[in-house]
């Protein structure tokens, strides 16, 4: 498996506790969040019922699915209990010289 690096552009205006969706990345799109000054990225799809997580709520490092309330940690992709039983994909994000990039796996 090889890694693909995709430039996201300048995300310096993405404030803490906010998220931005990149619908053209991956199968379901990617959500990029800033938590504690650091960018994190996860797949925009709930592992429980294939629902866009970007339609849900981000509180702290947890994103909540709008359909059944499944929660995921955006720092690791880990699920936080039922109804979800599987994590979501999590991607490495770097930010350098005002440009953010994401590492997607092929």
N, C-alpha and C. Protein backbone atom coordinates (compact mmCIF):
# COMPACT_ATOMS: atom_id res chain seq x y z
N UNK A 1 0.85 -1.17 0.00
CA UNK A 1 0.00 0.00 0.00
C UNK A 1 0.89 1.24 0.00
N UNK A 2 0.63 2.16 -0.92
CA UNK A 2 1.41 3.39 -0.98
C UNK A 2 0.57 4.55 -0.48
N UNK A 3 1.25 5.62 -0.16
CA UNK A 3 0.56 6.80 0.37
C UNK A 3 0.51 7.89 -0.68
N UNK A 4 -0.59 8.61 -0.70
CA UNK A 4 -0.76 9.74 -1.59
C UNK A 4 -0.92 10.98 -0.73
N UNK A 5 -0.13 12.02 -1.02
CA UNK A 5 -0.24 13.28 -0.29
C UNK A 5 -1.03 14.26 -1.13
N UNK A 6 -2.06 14.84 -0.54
CA UNK A 6 -2.93 15.79 -1.24
C UNK A 6 -2.89 17.12 -0.51
N UNK A 7 -2.63 18.18 -1.25
CA UNK A 7 -2.58 19.51 -0.67
C UNK A 7 -4.00 20.02 -0.47
N UNK A 8 -4.30 20.50 0.73
CA UNK A 8 -5.62 21.02 1.06
C UNK A 8 -5.70 22.54 0.96
N UNK A 9 -4.55 23.18 0.93
CA UNK A 9 -4.51 24.64 0.87
C UNK A 9 -4.29 25.25 2.24
N UNK A 10 -4.57 26.52 2.34
CA UNK A 10 -4.38 27.27 3.58
C UNK A 10 -5.58 27.06 4.50
N UNK A 11 -5.36 26.41 5.63
CA UNK A 11 -6.43 26.19 6.60
C UNK A 11 -6.18 26.96 7.89
N UNK A 12 -5.36 27.99 7.81
CA UNK A 12 -5.05 28.77 9.01
C UNK A 12 -6.28 29.47 9.58
N UNK A 13 -7.31 29.67 8.75
CA UNK A 13 -8.54 30.31 9.23
C UNK A 13 -9.52 29.32 9.85
N UNK A 14 -9.19 28.03 9.85
CA UNK A 14 -10.05 27.02 10.49
C UNK A 14 -9.80 27.09 11.99
N UNK A 15 -10.79 27.59 12.71
CA UNK A 15 -10.64 27.81 14.15
C UNK A 15 -10.80 26.51 14.95
N UNK A 16 -10.30 26.52 16.17
CA UNK A 16 -10.45 25.38 17.07
C UNK A 16 -11.92 25.01 17.22
N UNK A 17 -12.19 23.71 17.18
CA UNK A 17 -13.55 23.22 17.34
C UNK A 17 -14.40 23.30 16.09
N UNK A 18 -13.79 23.65 14.99
CA UNK A 18 -14.50 23.75 13.71
C UNK A 18 -14.03 22.66 12.76
N UNK A 19 -14.86 22.38 11.75
CA UNK A 19 -14.49 21.38 10.76
C UNK A 19 -14.77 21.89 9.36
N UNK A 20 -14.07 21.30 8.41
CA UNK A 20 -14.25 21.63 7.00
C UNK A 20 -14.31 20.31 6.23
N UNK A 21 -15.22 20.22 5.29
CA UNK A 21 -15.41 18.99 4.52
C UNK A 21 -14.75 19.14 3.15
N UNK A 22 -14.03 18.10 2.77
CA UNK A 22 -13.45 17.99 1.44
C UNK A 22 -14.14 16.81 0.76
N UNK A 23 -15.24 17.10 0.07
CA UNK A 23 -16.08 16.03 -0.48
C UNK A 23 -15.45 15.32 -1.66
N UNK A 24 -14.41 15.90 -2.25
CA UNK A 24 -13.78 15.29 -3.41
C UNK A 24 -12.63 14.33 -3.05
N UNK A 25 -12.39 14.09 -1.77
CA UNK A 25 -11.31 13.20 -1.34
C UNK A 25 -11.88 11.87 -0.88
N UNK A 26 -11.28 10.78 -1.33
CA UNK A 26 -11.70 9.46 -0.88
C UNK A 26 -13.09 9.10 -1.39
N UNK A 27 -13.59 7.98 -0.93
CA UNK A 27 -14.89 7.48 -1.37
C UNK A 27 -16.05 8.32 -0.84
N UNK A 28 -15.96 8.75 0.42
CA UNK A 28 -17.05 9.48 1.07
C UNK A 28 -16.70 10.93 1.39
N UNK A 29 -15.51 11.35 1.09
CA UNK A 29 -15.06 12.67 1.47
C UNK A 29 -14.33 12.61 2.81
N UNK A 30 -13.69 13.70 3.15
CA UNK A 30 -12.88 13.79 4.36
C UNK A 30 -13.27 15.03 5.15
N UNK A 31 -13.32 14.88 6.47
CA UNK A 31 -13.56 16.01 7.37
C UNK A 31 -12.23 16.36 8.02
N UNK A 32 -11.86 17.63 7.95
CA UNK A 32 -10.66 18.12 8.64
C UNK A 32 -11.14 19.00 9.78
N UNK A 33 -10.64 18.72 11.00
CA UNK A 33 -11.02 19.45 12.20
C UNK A 33 -9.77 20.02 12.86
N UNK A 34 -9.93 21.15 13.52
CA UNK A 34 -8.83 21.68 14.33
C UNK A 34 -9.22 21.52 15.80
N UNK A 35 -8.42 20.75 16.52
CA UNK A 35 -8.66 20.48 17.93
C UNK A 35 -7.39 20.83 18.70
N UNK A 36 -7.47 21.74 19.64
CA UNK A 36 -6.30 22.14 20.41
C UNK A 36 -5.16 22.66 19.55
N UNK A 37 -5.53 23.33 18.44
CA UNK A 37 -4.52 23.91 17.56
C UNK A 37 -3.96 22.96 16.52
N UNK A 38 -4.34 21.69 16.56
CA UNK A 38 -3.81 20.68 15.64
C UNK A 38 -4.89 20.21 14.69
N UNK A 39 -4.51 20.02 13.42
CA UNK A 39 -5.46 19.51 12.43
C UNK A 39 -5.54 18.00 12.51
N UNK A 40 -6.76 17.48 12.38
CA UNK A 40 -7.04 16.04 12.35
C UNK A 40 -8.00 15.80 11.20
N UNK A 41 -7.93 14.60 10.61
CA UNK A 41 -8.80 14.29 9.48
C UNK A 41 -9.36 12.87 9.61
N UNK A 42 -10.64 12.74 9.30
CA UNK A 42 -11.33 11.45 9.31
C UNK A 42 -12.23 11.35 8.08
N UNK A 43 -12.60 10.12 7.77
CA UNK A 43 -13.54 9.88 6.69
C UNK A 43 -14.91 10.45 7.05
N UNK A 44 -15.59 11.02 6.07
CA UNK A 44 -16.91 11.63 6.29
C UNK A 44 -18.00 10.57 6.14
N UNK A 45 -17.91 9.50 6.92
CA UNK A 45 -18.89 8.43 6.82
C UNK A 45 -18.96 7.65 8.13
N UNK A 46 -20.15 7.54 8.69
CA UNK A 46 -20.35 6.78 9.91
C UNK A 46 -20.23 5.29 9.61
N UNK A 47 -19.46 4.58 10.41
CA UNK A 47 -19.26 3.14 10.20
C UNK A 47 -20.50 2.34 10.58
N UNK A 48 -21.44 2.98 11.26
CA UNK A 48 -22.66 2.29 11.68
C UNK A 48 -23.71 2.22 10.57
N UNK A 49 -23.99 3.34 9.92
CA UNK A 49 -25.07 3.37 8.93
C UNK A 49 -24.77 4.22 7.71
N UNK A 50 -23.53 4.33 7.29
CA UNK A 50 -23.19 5.06 6.06
C UNK A 50 -23.90 6.41 5.95
N UNK A 51 -23.69 7.24 6.94
CA UNK A 51 -24.27 8.58 6.99
C UNK A 51 -23.14 9.60 7.05
N UNK A 52 -23.24 10.72 6.34
CA UNK A 52 -22.21 11.75 6.41
C UNK A 52 -22.07 12.32 7.82
N UNK A 53 -20.90 12.18 8.39
CA UNK A 53 -20.65 12.69 9.75
C UNK A 53 -20.61 14.22 9.79
N UNK A 54 -20.31 14.84 8.66
CA UNK A 54 -20.24 16.30 8.63
C UNK A 54 -21.59 16.94 8.91
N UNK A 55 -22.67 16.16 8.78
CA UNK A 55 -24.00 16.67 9.11
C UNK A 55 -24.26 16.62 10.62
N UNK A 56 -23.31 16.02 11.35
CA UNK A 56 -23.44 15.88 12.80
C UNK A 56 -22.79 17.02 13.54
N UNK A 57 -22.48 16.78 14.81
CA UNK A 57 -21.96 17.83 15.70
C UNK A 57 -20.56 17.46 16.17
N UNK A 58 -19.68 18.44 16.21
CA UNK A 58 -18.34 18.27 16.74
C UNK A 58 -18.27 18.97 18.09
N UNK A 59 -17.96 18.21 19.14
CA UNK A 59 -17.78 18.77 20.49
C UNK A 59 -16.50 18.22 21.05
N UNK A 60 -15.57 19.10 21.34
CA UNK A 60 -14.25 18.63 21.75
C UNK A 60 -13.65 17.85 20.60
N UNK A 61 -13.18 16.65 20.90
CA UNK A 61 -12.58 15.81 19.86
C UNK A 61 -13.56 14.75 19.35
N UNK A 62 -14.83 14.83 19.76
CA UNK A 62 -15.82 13.83 19.35
C UNK A 62 -16.78 14.39 18.32
N UNK A 63 -16.97 13.63 17.25
CA UNK A 63 -17.98 13.96 16.26
C UNK A 63 -19.12 12.97 16.42
N UNK A 64 -20.34 13.48 16.42
CA UNK A 64 -21.53 12.67 16.64
C UNK A 64 -22.33 12.55 15.35
N UNK A 65 -22.63 11.32 14.98
CA UNK A 65 -23.43 11.06 13.78
C UNK A 65 -24.85 11.58 13.99
N UNK A 66 -25.41 12.26 12.98
CA UNK A 66 -26.75 12.82 13.13
C UNK A 66 -27.86 11.76 13.08
N UNK A 67 -27.56 10.58 12.59
CA UNK A 67 -28.61 9.57 12.42
C UNK A 67 -28.97 8.84 13.70
N UNK A 68 -27.98 8.21 14.35
CA UNK A 68 -28.25 7.43 15.56
C UNK A 68 -27.38 7.82 16.75
N UNK A 69 -26.58 8.87 16.61
CA UNK A 69 -25.79 9.35 17.74
C UNK A 69 -24.48 8.63 17.98
N UNK A 70 -24.02 7.82 17.03
CA UNK A 70 -22.70 7.18 17.18
C UNK A 70 -21.64 8.28 17.27
N UNK A 71 -20.62 8.06 18.13
CA UNK A 71 -19.57 9.06 18.30
C UNK A 71 -18.21 8.48 17.95
N UNK A 72 -17.36 9.36 17.40
CA UNK A 72 -16.02 8.97 16.98
C UNK A 72 -15.03 10.05 17.41
N UNK A 73 -13.84 9.63 17.81
CA UNK A 73 -12.77 10.55 18.16
C UNK A 73 -12.05 10.95 16.88
N UNK A 74 -12.07 12.23 16.54
CA UNK A 74 -11.46 12.68 15.28
C UNK A 74 -9.94 12.60 15.31
N UNK A 75 -9.35 12.43 16.49
CA UNK A 75 -7.89 12.30 16.58
C UNK A 75 -7.41 10.91 16.20
N UNK A 76 -8.27 9.90 16.38
CA UNK A 76 -7.86 8.51 16.16
C UNK A 76 -8.81 7.73 15.26
N UNK A 77 -10.03 8.21 15.08
CA UNK A 77 -11.06 7.48 14.34
C UNK A 77 -11.79 6.45 15.17
N UNK A 78 -11.40 6.28 16.44
CA UNK A 78 -11.99 5.26 17.31
C UNK A 78 -13.46 5.57 17.61
N UNK A 79 -14.27 4.51 17.61
CA UNK A 79 -15.68 4.68 18.00
C UNK A 79 -15.75 4.70 19.52
N UNK A 80 -16.79 5.32 20.03
CA UNK A 80 -16.93 5.52 21.47
C UNK A 80 -18.03 4.64 22.06
N UNK A 81 -18.38 3.56 21.37
CA UNK A 81 -19.39 2.65 21.87
C UNK A 81 -20.57 2.55 20.92
N UNK A 82 -21.56 1.72 21.29
CA UNK A 82 -22.73 1.52 20.44
C UNK A 82 -23.44 2.83 20.15
N UNK A 83 -24.08 2.93 19.00
CA UNK A 83 -24.38 1.84 18.08
C UNK A 83 -23.24 1.48 17.13
N UNK A 84 -22.19 2.26 17.07
CA UNK A 84 -21.06 1.92 16.19
C UNK A 84 -20.17 0.88 16.87
N UNK A 85 -19.69 -0.08 16.09
CA UNK A 85 -18.79 -1.10 16.60
C UNK A 85 -17.47 -1.13 15.85
N UNK A 86 -17.28 -0.20 14.93
CA UNK A 86 -16.05 -0.15 14.14
C UNK A 86 -15.58 1.30 14.06
N UNK A 87 -14.26 1.49 13.98
CA UNK A 87 -13.73 2.85 13.85
C UNK A 87 -13.97 3.39 12.44
N UNK A 88 -13.65 4.65 12.25
CA UNK A 88 -13.67 5.25 10.92
C UNK A 88 -12.22 5.53 10.52
N UNK A 89 -12.01 5.68 9.22
CA UNK A 89 -10.66 5.96 8.72
C UNK A 89 -10.17 7.31 9.24
N UNK A 90 -8.90 7.33 9.61
CA UNK A 90 -8.26 8.52 10.14
C UNK A 90 -7.01 8.79 9.29
N UNK A 91 -6.74 10.03 8.96
CA UNK A 91 -5.65 10.37 8.06
C UNK A 91 -4.70 11.37 8.71
N UNK A 92 -3.43 11.25 8.39
CA UNK A 92 -2.42 12.18 8.89
C UNK A 92 -2.52 13.50 8.13
N UNK A 93 -2.45 14.59 8.88
CA UNK A 93 -2.49 15.94 8.29
C UNK A 93 -1.25 16.69 8.75
N UNK A 94 -0.61 17.39 7.83
CA UNK A 94 0.51 18.25 8.17
C UNK A 94 0.18 19.68 7.76
N UNK A 95 0.80 20.61 8.45
CA UNK A 95 0.59 22.02 8.16
C UNK A 95 1.96 22.69 8.20
N UNK A 96 2.37 23.23 7.06
CA UNK A 96 3.69 23.83 6.98
C UNK A 96 3.65 25.02 6.03
N UNK A 97 4.23 26.13 6.45
CA UNK A 97 4.29 27.34 5.63
C UNK A 97 2.91 27.75 5.11
N UNK A 98 1.89 27.61 5.95
CA UNK A 98 0.55 28.03 5.59
C UNK A 98 -0.21 27.08 4.69
N UNK A 99 0.34 25.90 4.43
CA UNK A 99 -0.32 24.92 3.56
C UNK A 99 -0.53 23.62 4.32
N UNK A 100 -1.77 23.14 4.30
CA UNK A 100 -2.10 21.86 4.93
C UNK A 100 -2.13 20.78 3.86
N UNK A 101 -1.66 19.58 4.22
CA UNK A 101 -1.67 18.43 3.33
C UNK A 101 -2.17 17.23 4.11
N UNK A 102 -2.80 16.31 3.40
CA UNK A 102 -3.33 15.09 4.01
C UNK A 102 -2.68 13.88 3.34
N UNK A 103 -2.46 12.86 4.11
CA UNK A 103 -1.90 11.62 3.59
C UNK A 103 -3.01 10.59 3.46
N UNK A 104 -3.36 10.28 2.21
CA UNK A 104 -4.39 9.27 1.95
C UNK A 104 -3.71 7.97 1.55
N UNK A 105 -4.26 6.85 2.01
CA UNK A 105 -3.74 5.55 1.61
C UNK A 105 -4.46 5.10 0.35
N UNK A 106 -3.70 4.50 -0.55
CA UNK A 106 -4.30 3.96 -1.78
C UNK A 106 -5.09 2.71 -1.48
